[in-house]
Amino acid sequence: MAYMFVSVVCDLGGEDSRAAVYGLLPQYGFEKVQRACFESVRASDKQVAALKRDIDKVTDYYDTVRIYQYPVDGRLAISILKENRWKRVVVRAPSELGPSEKAPPAKAASKAPHKA
């Protein structure tokens, strides 16, 4: 079984949602590291999928939850629950980007003298 680092960041609209989600996360092995941030270094894909289902059951339209997972196929995956819908973004390394996707080079700073 492959483990990954997972961070869960919560922006919960109500006290009921907050109590329910904050109660769920330790059951999955997450530790609170900041006010609304929980982390685990031993989460599995199955665990994260089950956690998402359980979070769905206790949150409402106004709650937002972000789950950061690394590595997922060698990349960073971010799952976002917003307005009762999960969306997932997979972040690629700059070396994986095609030529048209790379950022343009930064412009060189002007060396013109300052006028006082």
PDB file of N, CA and C in Angstrom:
ATOM      1  N   MET A   1       0.844  -1.182   0.000  1.00  0.00           N
ATOM      2  CA  MET A   1       0.000   0.000   0.000  1.00  0.00           C
ATOM      3  C   MET A   1       0.884   1.238   0.000  1.00  0.00           C
ATOM      4  N   ALA A   2       0.597   2.155  -0.918  1.00  0.00           N
ATOM      5  CA  ALA A   2       1.384   3.381  -1.009  1.00  0.00           C
ATOM      6  C   ALA A   2       0.718   4.471  -0.177  1.00  0.00           C
ATOM      7  N   TYR A   3       1.534   5.123   0.603  1.00  0.00           N
ATOM      8  CA  TYR A   3       1.033   6.234   1.420  1.00  0.00           C
ATOM      9  C   TYR A   3       1.434   7.555   0.791  1.00  0.00           C
ATOM     10  N   MET A   4       0.689   8.592   1.136  1.00  0.00           N
ATOM     11  CA  MET A   4       0.986   9.921   0.630  1.00  0.00           C
ATOM     12  C   MET A   4       0.765  10.947   1.731  1.00  0.00           C
ATOM     13  N   PHE A   5       1.297  12.135   1.504  1.00  0.00           N
ATOM     14  CA  PHE A   5       1.042  13.279   2.373  1.00  0.00           C
ATOM     15  C   PHE A   5      -0.276  13.892   1.950  1.00  0.00           C
ATOM     16  N   VAL A   6      -1.141  14.160   2.920  1.00  0.00           N
ATOM     17  CA  VAL A   6      -2.425  14.776   2.636  1.00  0.00           C
ATOM     18  C   VAL A   6      -2.665  15.896   3.640  1.00  0.00           C
ATOM     19  N   SER A   7      -3.070  17.043   3.129  1.00  0.00           N
ATOM     20  CA  SER A   7      -3.422  18.181   3.966  1.00  0.00           C
ATOM     21  C   SER A   7      -4.864  18.566   3.655  1.00  0.00           C
ATOM     22  N   VAL A   8      -5.656  18.805   4.705  1.00  0.00           N
ATOM     23  CA  VAL A   8      -7.050  19.182   4.547  1.00  0.00           C
ATOM     24  C   VAL A   8      -7.224  20.573   5.147  1.00  0.00           C
ATOM     25  N   VAL A   9      -7.688  21.520   4.334  1.00  0.00           N
ATOM     26  CA  VAL A   9      -7.905  22.891   4.774  1.00  0.00           C
ATOM     27  C   VAL A   9      -9.404  23.164   4.705  1.00  0.00           C
ATOM     28  N   CYS A  10      -9.955  23.624   5.823  1.00  0.00           N
ATOM     29  CA  CYS A  10     -11.397  23.783   5.944  1.00  0.00           C
ATOM     30  C   CYS A  10     -11.808  25.251   6.063  1.00  0.00           C
ATOM     31  N   ASP A  11     -12.841  25.625   5.323  1.00  0.00           N
ATOM     32  CA  ASP A  11     -13.490  26.921   5.469  1.00  0.00           C
ATOM     33  C   ASP A  11     -14.976  26.602   5.593  1.00  0.00           C
ATOM     34  N   LEU A  12     -15.390  26.339   6.823  1.00  0.00           N
ATOM     35  CA  LEU A  12     -16.732  25.831   7.070  1.00  0.00           C
ATOM     36  C   LEU A  12     -17.640  26.946   7.569  1.00  0.00           C
ATOM     37  N   GLY A  13     -18.837  27.026   6.973  1.00  0.00           N
ATOM     38  CA  GLY A  13     -19.737  28.129   7.249  1.00  0.00           C
ATOM     39  C   GLY A  13     -20.471  28.057   8.570  1.00  0.00           C
ATOM     40  N   GLY A  14     -20.714  26.870   9.074  1.00  0.00           N
ATOM     41  CA  GLY A  14     -21.500  26.738  10.295  1.00  0.00           C
ATOM     42  C   GLY A  14     -20.813  25.905  11.353  1.00  0.00           C
ATOM     43  N   GLU A  15     -21.267  26.088  12.581  1.00  0.00           N
ATOM     44  CA  GLU A  15     -20.682  25.350  13.708  1.00  0.00           C
ATOM     45  C   GLU A  15     -20.957  23.851  13.603  1.00  0.00           C
ATOM     46  N   ASP A  16     -22.123  23.476  13.085  1.00  0.00           N
ATOM     47  CA  ASP A  16     -22.447  22.050  12.937  1.00  0.00           C
ATOM     48  C   ASP A  16     -21.483  21.367  11.971  1.00  0.00           C
ATOM     49  N   SER A  17     -21.254  22.002  10.824  1.00  0.00           N
ATOM     50  CA  SER A  17     -20.317  21.444   9.838  1.00  0.00           C
ATOM     51  C   SER A  17     -18.913  21.364  10.425  1.00  0.00           C
ATOM     52  N   ARG A  18     -18.500  22.429  11.109  1.00  0.00           N
ATOM     53  CA  ARG A  18     -17.157  22.478  11.690  1.00  0.00           C
ATOM     54  C   ARG A  18     -16.962  21.341  12.706  1.00  0.00           C
ATOM     55  N   ALA A  19     -17.921  21.174  13.597  1.00  0.00           N
ATOM     56  CA  ALA A  19     -17.818  20.117  14.605  1.00  0.00           C
ATOM     57  C   ALA A  19     -17.771  18.734  13.952  1.00  0.00           C
ATOM     58  N   ALA A  20     -18.603  18.531  12.930  1.00  0.00           N
ATOM     59  CA  ALA A  20     -18.653  17.223  12.265  1.00  0.00           C
ATOM     60  C   ALA A  20     -17.358  16.915  11.522  1.00  0.00           C
ATOM     61  N   VAL A  21     -16.851  17.877  10.736  1.00  0.00           N
ATOM     62  CA  VAL A  21     -15.623  17.648   9.960  1.00  0.00           C
ATOM     63  C   VAL A  21     -14.420  17.517  10.896  1.00  0.00           C
ATOM     64  N   TYR A  22     -14.331  18.401  11.889  1.00  0.00           N
ATOM     65  CA  TYR A  22     -13.214  18.334  12.836  1.00  0.00           C
ATOM     66  C   TYR A  22     -13.244  17.044  13.650  1.00  0.00           C
ATOM     67  N   GLY A  23     -14.423  16.456  13.827  1.00  0.00           N
ATOM     68  CA  GLY A  23     -14.534  15.170  14.497  1.00  0.00           C
ATOM     69  C   GLY A  23     -14.161  14.008  13.592  1.00  0.00           C
ATOM     70  N   LEU A  24     -14.406  14.155  12.287  1.00  0.00           N
ATOM     71  CA  LEU A  24     -14.086  13.105  11.311  1.00  0.00           C
ATOM     72  C   LEU A  24     -12.586  12.936  11.092  1.00  0.00           C
ATOM     73  N   LEU A  25     -11.887  14.052  10.950  1.00  0.00           N
ATOM     74  CA  LEU A  25     -10.489  14.005  10.520  1.00  0.00           C
ATOM     75  C   LEU A  25      -9.582  13.180  11.444  1.00  0.00           C
ATOM     76  N   PRO A  26      -9.669  13.290  12.773  1.00  0.00           N
ATOM     77  CA  PRO A  26      -8.825  12.436  13.622  1.00  0.00           C
ATOM     78  C   PRO A  26      -9.139  10.942  13.451  1.00  0.00           C
ATOM     79  N   GLN A  27     -10.381  10.607  13.108  1.00  0.00           N
ATOM     80  CA  GLN A  27     -10.742   9.204  12.876  1.00  0.00           C
ATOM     81  C   GLN A  27      -9.983   8.628  11.680  1.00  0.00           C
ATOM     82  N   TYR A  28      -9.569   9.493  10.763  1.00  0.00           N
ATOM     83  CA  TYR A  28      -8.808   9.084   9.590  1.00  0.00           C
ATOM     84  C   TYR A  28      -7.303   9.265   9.788  1.00  0.00           C
ATOM     85  N   GLY A  29      -6.889   9.600  11.000  1.00  0.00           N
ATOM     86  CA  GLY A  29      -5.464   9.723  11.293  1.00  0.00           C
ATOM     87  C   GLY A  29      -4.877  11.106  11.050  1.00  0.00           C
ATOM     88  N   PHE A  30      -5.715  12.116  10.897  1.00  0.00           N
ATOM     89  CA  PHE A  30      -5.226  13.470  10.666  1.00  0.00           C
ATOM     90  C   PHE A  30      -4.991  14.188  11.987  1.00  0.00           C
ATOM     91  N   GLU A  31      -3.933  15.004  12.003  1.00  0.00           N
ATOM     92  CA  GLU A  31      -3.607  15.817  13.167  1.00  0.00           C
ATOM     93  C   GLU A  31      -3.813  17.278  12.820  1.00  0.00           C
ATOM     94  N   LYS A  32      -4.343  18.022  13.782  1.00  0.00           N
ATOM     95  CA  LYS A  32      -4.540  19.457  13.576  1.00  0.00           C
ATOM     96  C   LYS A  32      -3.194  20.153  13.689  1.00  0.00           C
ATOM     97  N   VAL A  33      -2.807  20.926  12.654  1.00  0.00           N
ATOM     98  CA  VAL A  33      -1.514  21.616  12.654  1.00  0.00           C
ATOM     99  C   VAL A  33      -1.680  23.129  12.701  1.00  0.00           C
ATOM    100  N   GLN A  34      -2.840  23.624  12.319  1.00  0.00           N
ATOM    101  CA  GLN A  34      -3.179  25.042  12.411  1.00  0.00           C
ATOM    102  C   GLN A  34      -4.672  25.132  12.653  1.00  0.00           C
ATOM    103  N   ARG A  35      -5.174  26.348  12.761  1.00  0.00           N
ATOM    104  CA  ARG A  35      -6.578  26.547  13.115  1.00  0.00           C
ATOM    105  C   ARG A  35      -7.541  25.739  12.247  1.00  0.00           C
ATOM    106  N   ALA A  36      -7.410  25.740  10.958  1.00  0.00           N
ATOM    107  CA  ALA A  36      -8.342  25.034  10.079  1.00  0.00           C
ATOM    108  C   ALA A  36      -7.608  24.094   9.131  1.00  0.00           C
ATOM    109  N   CYS A  37      -6.445  23.603   9.554  1.00  0.00           N
ATOM    110  CA  CYS A  37      -5.606  22.751   8.698  1.00  0.00           C
ATOM    111  C   CYS A  37      -5.215  21.477   9.436  1.00  0.00           C
ATOM    112  N   PHE A  38      -5.452  20.349   8.773  1.00  0.00           N
ATOM    113  CA  PHE A  38      -5.127  19.036   9.318  1.00  0.00           C
ATOM    114  C   PHE A  38      -4.216  18.327   8.333  1.00  0.00           C
ATOM    115  N   GLU A  39      -3.284  17.496   8.839  1.00  0.00           N
ATOM    116  CA  GLU A  39      -2.348  16.795   7.964  1.00  0.00           C
ATOM    117  C   GLU A  39      -2.172  15.349   8.380  1.00  0.00           C
ATOM    118  N   SER A  40      -1.819  14.532   7.395  1.00  0.00           N
ATOM    119  CA  SER A  40      -1.454  13.137   7.619  1.00  0.00           C
ATOM    120  C   SER A  40      -0.356  12.773   6.630  1.00  0.00           C
ATOM    121  N   VAL A  41       0.625  12.020   7.102  1.00  0.00           N
ATOM    122  CA  VAL A  41       1.686  11.554   6.214  1.00  0.00           C
ATOM    123  C   VAL A  41       1.501  10.074   5.864  1.00  0.00           C
ATOM    124  N   ARG A  42       0.417   9.486   6.329  1.00  0.00           N
ATOM    125  CA  ARG A  42       0.179   8.064   6.101  1.00  0.00           C
ATOM    126  C   ARG A  42      -1.228   7.806   5.568  1.00  0.00           C
ATOM    127  N   ALA A  43      -1.667   8.602   4.617  1.00  0.00           N
ATOM    128  CA  ALA A  43      -3.000   8.415   4.035  1.00  0.00           C
ATOM    129  C   ALA A  43      -2.890   7.609   2.746  1.00  0.00           C
ATOM    130  N   SER A  44      -3.887   6.807   2.489  1.00  0.00           N
ATOM    131  CA  SER A  44      -3.936   6.026   1.248  1.00  0.00           C
ATOM    132  C   SER A  44      -5.033   6.578   0.347  1.00  0.00           C
ATOM    133  N   ASP A  45      -5.016   6.157  -0.921  1.00  0.00           N
ATOM    134  CA  ASP A  45      -6.053   6.584  -1.872  1.00  0.00           C
ATOM    135  C   ASP A  45      -7.444   6.181  -1.376  1.00  0.00           C
ATOM    136  N   LYS A  46      -7.560   4.958  -0.845  1.00  0.00           N
ATOM    137  CA  LYS A  46      -8.847   4.477  -0.345  1.00  0.00           C
ATOM    138  C   LYS A  46      -9.340   5.333   0.809  1.00  0.00           C
ATOM    139  N   GLN A  47      -8.422   5.673   1.704  1.00  0.00           N
ATOM    140  CA  GLN A  47      -8.759   6.496   2.861  1.00  0.00           C
ATOM    141  C   GLN A  47      -9.268   7.871   2.427  1.00  0.00           C
ATOM    142  N   VAL A  48      -8.585   8.487   1.474  1.00  0.00           N
ATOM    143  CA  VAL A  48      -8.972   9.813   0.998  1.00  0.00           C
ATOM    144  C   VAL A  48     -10.339   9.752   0.318  1.00  0.00           C
ATOM    145  N   ALA A  49     -10.590   8.721  -0.456  1.00  0.00           N
ATOM    146  CA  ALA A  49     -11.893   8.568  -1.115  1.00  0.00           C
ATOM    147  C   ALA A  49     -13.010   8.426  -0.074  1.00  0.00           C
ATOM    148  N   ALA A  50     -12.778   7.628   0.962  1.00  0.00           N
ATOM    149  CA  ALA A  50     -13.771   7.459   2.023  1.00  0.00           C
ATOM    150  C   ALA A  50     -13.968   8.763   2.795  1.00  0.00           C
ATOM    151  N   LEU A  51     -12.877   9.485   3.046  1.00  0.00           N
ATOM    152  CA  LEU A  51     -12.965  10.759   3.745  1.00  0.00           C
ATOM    153  C   LEU A  51     -13.817  11.754   2.945  1.00  0.00           C
ATOM    154  N   LYS A  52     -13.618  11.806   1.643  1.00  0.00           N
ATOM    155  CA  LYS A  52     -14.411  12.708   0.807  1.00  0.00           C
ATOM    156  C   LYS A  52     -15.905  12.377   0.908  1.00  0.00           C
ATOM    157  N   ARG A  53     -16.236  11.093   0.871  1.00  0.00           N
ATOM    158  CA  ARG A  53     -17.654  10.688   0.992  1.00  0.00           C
ATOM    159  C   ARG A  53     -18.217  11.126   2.340  1.00  0.00           C
ATOM    160  N   ASP A  54     -17.447  10.935   3.403  1.00  0.00           N
ATOM    161  CA  ASP A  54     -17.921  11.321   4.733  1.00  0.00           C
ATOM    162  C   ASP A  54     -18.042  12.836   4.875  1.00  0.00           C
ATOM    163  N   ILE A  55     -17.108  13.569   4.283  1.00  0.00           N
ATOM    164  CA  ILE A  55     -17.192  15.036   4.313  1.00  0.00           C
ATOM    165  C   ILE A  55     -18.441  15.497   3.556  1.00  0.00           C
ATOM    166  N   ASP A  56     -18.752  14.855   2.438  1.00  0.00           N
ATOM    167  CA  ASP A  56     -19.965  15.176   1.679  1.00  0.00           C
ATOM    168  C   ASP A  56     -21.216  15.078   2.549  1.00  0.00           C
ATOM    169  N   LYS A  57     -21.256  14.080   3.409  1.00  0.00           N
ATOM    170  CA  LYS A  57     -22.442  13.827   4.228  1.00  0.00           C
ATOM    171  C   LYS A  57     -22.674  14.895   5.295  1.00  0.00           C
ATOM    172  N   VAL A  58     -21.609  15.574   5.742  1.00  0.00           N
ATOM    173  CA  VAL A  58     -21.749  16.488   6.884  1.00  0.00           C
ATOM    174  C   VAL A  58     -21.564  17.963   6.526  1.00  0.00           C
ATOM    175  N   THR A  59     -21.374  18.271   5.245  1.00  0.00           N
ATOM    176  CA  THR A  59     -21.186  19.667   4.842  1.00  0.00           C
ATOM    177  C   THR A  59     -22.395  20.146   4.044  1.00  0.00           C
ATOM    178  N   ASP A  60     -22.481  21.463   3.902  1.00  0.00           N
ATOM    179  CA  ASP A  60     -23.574  22.023   3.115  1.00  0.00           C
ATOM    180  C   ASP A  60     -23.023  22.957   2.038  1.00  0.00           C
ATOM    181  N   TYR A  61     -23.926  23.645   1.354  1.00  0.00           N
ATOM    182  CA  TYR A  61     -23.607  24.468   0.189  1.00  0.00           C
ATOM    183  C   TYR A  61     -22.565  25.540   0.484  1.00  0.00           C
ATOM    184  N   TYR A  62     -22.545  26.068   1.692  1.00  0.00           N
ATOM    185  CA  TYR A  62     -21.675  27.197   2.031  1.00  0.00           C
ATOM    186  C   TYR A  62     -20.296  26.785   2.536  1.00  0.00           C
ATOM    187  N   ASP A  63     -20.031  25.501   2.645  1.00  0.00           N
ATOM    188  CA  ASP A  63     -18.745  25.004   3.142  1.00  0.00           C
ATOM    189  C   ASP A  63     -17.772  24.783   1.992  1.00  0.00           C
ATOM    190  N   THR A  64     -16.496  25.065   2.266  1.00  0.00           N
ATOM    191  CA  THR A  64     -15.431  24.805   1.305  1.00  0.00           C
ATOM    192  C   THR A  64     -14.355  23.987   1.999  1.00  0.00           C
ATOM    193  N   VAL A  65     -13.906  22.927   1.335  1.00  0.00           N
ATOM    194  CA  VAL A  65     -12.833  22.071   1.850  1.00  0.00           C
ATOM    195  C   VAL A  65     -11.857  21.835   0.712  1.00  0.00           C
ATOM    196  N   ARG A  66     -10.571  21.998   0.998  1.00  0.00           N
ATOM    197  CA  ARG A  66      -9.524  21.704   0.017  1.00  0.00           C
ATOM    198  C   ARG A  66      -8.660  20.571   0.557  1.00  0.00           C
ATOM    199  N   ILE A  67      -8.394  19.601  -0.288  1.00  0.00           N
ATOM    200  CA  ILE A  67      -7.540  18.462   0.081  1.00  0.00           C
ATOM    201  C   ILE A  67      -6.351  18.450  -0.867  1.00  0.00           C
ATOM    202  N   TYR A  68      -5.156  18.580  -0.295  1.00  0.00           N
ATOM    203  CA  TYR A  68      -3.908  18.559  -1.061  1.00  0.00           C
ATOM    204  C   TYR A  68      -3.275  17.185  -0.875  1.00  0.00           C
ATOM    205  N   GLN A  69      -2.974  16.488  -1.976  1.00  0.00           N
ATOM    206  CA  GLN A  69      -2.381  15.152  -1.923  1.00  0.00           C
ATOM    207  C   GLN A  69      -1.084  15.119  -2.717  1.00  0.00           C
ATOM    208  N   TYR A  70      -0.054  14.520  -2.112  1.00  0.00           N
ATOM    209  CA  TYR A  70       1.209  14.338  -2.828  1.00  0.00           C
ATOM    210  C   TYR A  70       1.894  13.084  -2.320  1.00  0.00           C
ATOM    211  N   PRO A  71       2.383  12.244  -3.190  1.00  0.00           N
ATOM    212  CA  PRO A  71       2.308  12.260  -4.651  1.00  0.00           C
ATOM    213  C   PRO A  71       1.091  11.498  -5.166  1.00  0.00           C
ATOM    214  N   VAL A  72       0.528  11.979  -6.238  1.00  0.00           N
ATOM    215  CA  VAL A  72      -0.504  11.281  -7.001  1.00  0.00           C
ATOM    216  C   VAL A  72       0.058  11.185  -8.411  1.00  0.00           C
ATOM    217  N   ASP A  73       0.535  10.022  -8.770  1.00  0.00           N
ATOM    218  CA  ASP A  73       1.233   9.815 -10.042  1.00  0.00           C
ATOM    219  C   ASP A  73       2.397  10.791 -10.179  1.00  0.00           C
ATOM    220  N   GLY A  74       3.089  11.045  -9.071  1.00  0.00           N
ATOM    221  CA  GLY A  74       4.250  11.918  -9.079  1.00  0.00           C
ATOM    222  C   GLY A  74       3.918  13.402  -9.104  1.00  0.00           C
ATOM    223  N   ARG A  75       2.663  13.738  -8.951  1.00  0.00           N
ATOM    224  CA  ARG A  75       2.225  15.142  -9.028  1.00  0.00           C
ATOM    225  C   ARG A  75       1.437  15.525  -7.777  1.00  0.00           C
ATOM    226  N   LEU A  76       1.177  16.823  -7.642  1.00  0.00           N
ATOM    227  CA  LEU A  76       0.344  17.348  -6.571  1.00  0.00           C
ATOM    228  C   LEU A  76      -1.097  17.406  -7.068  1.00  0.00           C
ATOM    229  N   ALA A  77      -2.013  16.802  -6.310  1.00  0.00           N
ATOM    230  CA  ALA A  77      -3.437  16.846  -6.657  1.00  0.00           C
ATOM    231  C   ALA A  77      -4.160  17.672  -5.597  1.00  0.00           C
ATOM    232  N   ILE A  78      -5.033  18.550  -6.048  1.00  0.00           N
ATOM    233  CA  ILE A  78      -5.828  19.384  -5.156  1.00  0.00           C
ATOM    234  C   ILE A  78      -7.297  19.117  -5.460  1.00  0.00           C
ATOM    235  N   SER A  79      -8.020  18.627  -4.457  1.00  0.00           N
ATOM    236  CA  SER A  79      -9.462  18.408  -4.590  1.00  0.00           C
ATOM    237  C   SER A  79     -10.166  19.507  -3.814  1.00  0.00           C
ATOM    238  N   ILE A  80     -11.171  20.121  -4.430  1.00  0.00           N
ATOM    239  CA  ILE A  80     -11.854  21.255  -3.829  1.00  0.00           C
ATOM    240  C   ILE A  80     -13.350  20.955  -3.771  1.00  0.00           C
ATOM    241  N   LEU A  81     -13.905  21.005  -2.557  1.00  0.00           N
ATOM    242  CA  LEU A  81     -15.350  20.895  -2.376  1.00  0.00           C
ATOM    243  C   LEU A  81     -15.884  22.309  -2.209  1.00  0.00           C
ATOM    244  N   LYS A  82     -16.681  22.731  -3.162  1.00  0.00           N
ATOM    245  CA  LYS A  82     -17.271  24.066  -3.113  1.00  0.00           C
ATOM    246  C   LYS A  82     -18.670  23.970  -3.695  1.00  0.00           C
ATOM    247  N   GLU A  83     -19.641  24.541  -2.993  1.00  0.00           N
ATOM    248  CA  GLU A  83     -21.036  24.512  -3.430  1.00  0.00           C
ATOM    249  C   GLU A  83     -21.502  23.076  -3.685  1.00  0.00           C
ATOM    250  N   ASN A  84     -21.134  22.170  -2.764  1.00  0.00           N
ATOM    251  CA  ASN A  84     -21.530  20.749  -2.799  1.00  0.00           C
ATOM    252  C   ASN A  84     -20.983  19.976  -3.989  1.00  0.00           C
ATOM    253  N   ARG A  85     -19.914  20.458  -4.631  1.00  0.00           N
ATOM    254  CA  ARG A  85     -19.326  19.756  -5.778  1.00  0.00           C
ATOM    255  C   ARG A  85     -17.828  19.625  -5.582  1.00  0.00           C
ATOM    256  N   TRP A  86     -17.295  18.454  -5.873  1.00  0.00           N
ATOM    257  CA  TRP A  86     -15.853  18.228  -5.837  1.00  0.00           C
ATOM    258  C   TRP A  86     -15.261  18.524  -7.208  1.00  0.00           C
ATOM    259  N   LYS A  87     -14.159  19.240  -7.222  1.00  0.00           N
ATOM    260  CA  LYS A  87     -13.371  19.454  -8.440  1.00  0.00           C
ATOM    261  C   LYS A  87     -11.944  19.072  -8.104  1.00  0.00           C
ATOM    262  N   ARG A  88     -11.216  18.588  -9.096  1.00  0.00           N
ATOM    263  CA  ARG A  88      -9.842  18.145  -8.853  1.00  0.00           C
ATOM    264  C   ARG A  88      -8.907  18.778  -9.867  1.00  0.00           C
ATOM    265  N   VAL A  89      -7.791  19.280  -9.361  1.00  0.00           N
ATOM    266  CA  VAL A  89      -6.760  19.883 -10.195  1.00  0.00           C
ATOM    267  C   VAL A  89      -5.473  19.116  -9.935  1.00  0.00           C
ATOM    268  N   VAL A  90      -4.787  18.724 -10.998  1.00  0.00           N
ATOM    269  CA  VAL A  90      -3.488  18.057 -10.861  1.00  0.00           C
ATOM    270  C   VAL A  90      -2.431  19.025 -11.370  1.00  0.00           C
ATOM    271  N   VAL A  91      -1.487  19.353 -10.501  1.00  0.00           N
ATOM    272  CA  VAL A  91      -0.457  20.334 -10.820  1.00  0.00           C
ATOM    273  C   VAL A  91       0.748  19.616 -11.400  1.00  0.00           C
ATOM    274  N   ARG A  92       1.150  20.044 -12.585  1.00  0.00           N
ATOM    275  CA  ARG A  92       2.318  19.455 -13.247  1.00  0.00           C
ATOM    276  C   ARG A  92       3.569  20.269 -12.947  1.00  0.00           C
ATOM    277  N   ALA A  93       4.692  19.611 -12.942  1.00  0.00           N
ATOM    278  CA  ALA A  93       5.972  20.286 -12.747  1.00  0.00           C
ATOM    279  C   ALA A  93       6.292  21.120 -13.983  1.00  0.00           C
ATOM    280  N   PRO A  94       7.043  22.221 -13.826  1.00  0.00           N
ATOM    281  CA  PRO A  94       7.401  23.052 -14.985  1.00  0.00           C
ATOM    282  C   PRO A  94       8.083  22.251 -16.095  1.00  0.00           C
ATOM    283  N   SER A  95       8.850  21.232 -15.728  1.00  0.00           N
ATOM    284  CA  SER A  95       9.542  20.427 -16.742  1.00  0.00           C
ATOM    285  C   SER A  95       8.572  19.604 -17.588  1.00  0.00           C
ATOM    286  N   GLU A  96       7.334  19.435 -17.131  1.00  0.00           N
ATOM    287  CA  GLU A  96       6.333  18.665 -17.866  1.00  0.00           C
ATOM    288  C   GLU A  96       5.501  19.529 -18.811  1.00  0.00           C
ATOM    289  N   LEU A  97       5.631  20.837 -18.720  1.00  0.00           N
ATOM    290  CA  LEU A  97       4.830  21.736 -19.545  1.00  0.00           C
ATOM    291  C   LEU A  97       5.362  21.790 -20.967  1.00  0.00           C
ATOM    292  N   GLY A  98       4.448  21.912 -21.903  1.00  0.00           N
ATOM    293  CA  GLY A  98       4.834  22.064 -23.299  1.00  0.00           C
ATOM    294  C   GLY A  98       5.314  23.482 -23.554  1.00  0.00           C
ATOM    295  N   PRO A  99       5.944  23.746 -24.703  1.00  0.00           N
ATOM    296  CA  PRO A  99       6.481  25.075 -25.000  1.00  0.00           C
ATOM    297  C   PRO A  99       5.425  26.178 -24.961  1.00  0.00           C
ATOM    298  N   SER A 100       4.202  25.893 -25.411  1.00  0.00           N
ATOM    299  CA  SER A 100       3.169  26.927 -25.423  1.00  0.00           C
ATOM    300  C   SER A 100       2.603  27.196 -24.035  1.00  0.00           C
ATOM    301  N   GLU A 101       2.838  26.297 -23.060  1.00  0.00           N
ATOM    302  CA  GLU A 101       2.297  26.458 -21.715  1.00  0.00           C
ATOM    303  C   GLU A 101       3.279  27.133 -20.758  1.00  0.00           C
ATOM    304  N   LYS A 102       4.529  27.252 -21.152  1.00  0.00           N
ATOM    305  CA  LYS A 102       5.530  27.833 -20.260  1.00  0.00           C
ATOM    306  C   LYS A 102       5.354  29.345 -20.182  1.00  0.00           C
ATOM    307  N   ALA A 103       5.676  29.880 -19.032  1.00  0.00           N
ATOM    308  CA  ALA A 103       5.558  31.327 -18.830  1.00  0.00           C
ATOM    309  C   ALA A 103       6.602  32.042 -19.674  1.00  0.00           C
ATOM    310  N   PRO A 104       6.274  33.218 -20.198  1.00  0.00           N
ATOM    311  CA  PRO A 104       7.264  33.967 -20.985  1.00  0.00           C
ATOM    312  C   PRO A 104       8.408  34.409 -20.084  1.00  0.00           C
ATOM    313  N   PRO A 105       9.594  34.580 -20.649  1.00  0.00           N
ATOM    314  CA  PRO A 105      10.730  35.004 -19.823  1.00  0.00           C
ATOM    315  C   PRO A 105      10.481  36.387 -19.237  1.00  0.00           C
ATOM    316  N   ALA A 106      11.020  36.616 -18.050  1.00  0.00           N
ATOM    317  CA  ALA A 106      10.858  37.915 -17.393  1.00  0.00           C
ATOM    318  C   ALA A 106      11.643  38.967 -18.153  1.00  0.00           C
ATOM    319  N   LYS A 107      11.117  40.183 -18.182  1.00  0.00           N
ATOM    320  CA  LYS A 107      11.821  41.268 -18.857  1.00  0.00           C
ATOM    321  C   LYS A 107      12.986  41.724 -17.990  1.00  0.00           C
ATOM    322  N   ALA A 108      14.058  42.087 -18.652  1.00  0.00           N
ATOM    323  CA  ALA A 108      15.237  42.576 -17.937  1.00  0.00           C
ATOM    324  C   ALA A 108      14.934  43.952 -17.355  1.00  0.00           C
ATOM    325  N   ALA A 109      15.451  44.222 -16.181  1.00  0.00           N
ATOM    326  CA  ALA A 109      15.235  45.524 -15.538  1.00  0.00           C
ATOM    327  C   ALA A 109      15.974  46.605 -16.312  1.00  0.00           C
ATOM    328  N   SER A 110      15.355  47.742 -16.427  1.00  0.00           N
ATOM    329  CA  SER A 110      15.946  48.875 -17.132  1.00  0.00           C
ATOM    330  C   SER A 110      17.103  49.454 -16.317  1.00  0.00           C
ATOM    331  N   LYS A 111      18.187  49.781 -16.977  1.00  0.00           N
ATOM    332  CA  LYS A 111      19.335  50.346 -16.283  1.00  0.00           C
ATOM    333  C   LYS A 111      19.449  51.859 -16.537  1.00  0.00           C
ATOM    334  N   ALA A 112      18.314  52.460 -16.878  1.00  0.00           N
ATOM    335  CA  ALA A 112      18.309  53.913 -17.123  1.00  0.00           C
ATOM    336  C   ALA A 112      18.544  54.642 -15.803  1.00  0.00           C
ATOM    337  N   PRO A 113      19.304  55.750 -15.854  1.00  0.00           N
ATOM    338  CA  PRO A 113      19.577  56.496 -14.623  1.00  0.00           C
ATOM    339  C   PRO A 113      18.303  57.143 -14.075  1.00  0.00           C
ATOM    340  N   HIS A 114      18.231  57.242 -12.759  1.00  0.00           N
ATOM    341  CA  HIS A 114      17.108  57.889 -12.094  1.00  0.00           C
ATOM    342  C   HIS A 114      17.185  59.404 -12.245  1.00  0.00           C
ATOM    343  N   LYS A 115      16.065  59.995 -12.462  1.00  0.00           N
ATOM    344  CA  LYS A 115      16.009  61.470 -12.471  1.00  0.00           C
ATOM    345  C   LYS A 115      15.519  61.913 -11.113  1.00  0.00           C
ATOM    346  N   ALA A 116      16.174  62.891 -10.556  1.00  0.00           N
ATOM    347  CA  ALA A 116      15.780  63.354  -9.223  1.00  0.00           C
ATOM    348  C   ALA A 116      14.803  64.470  -9.253  1.00  0.00           C
TER     349      ALA A 116
END
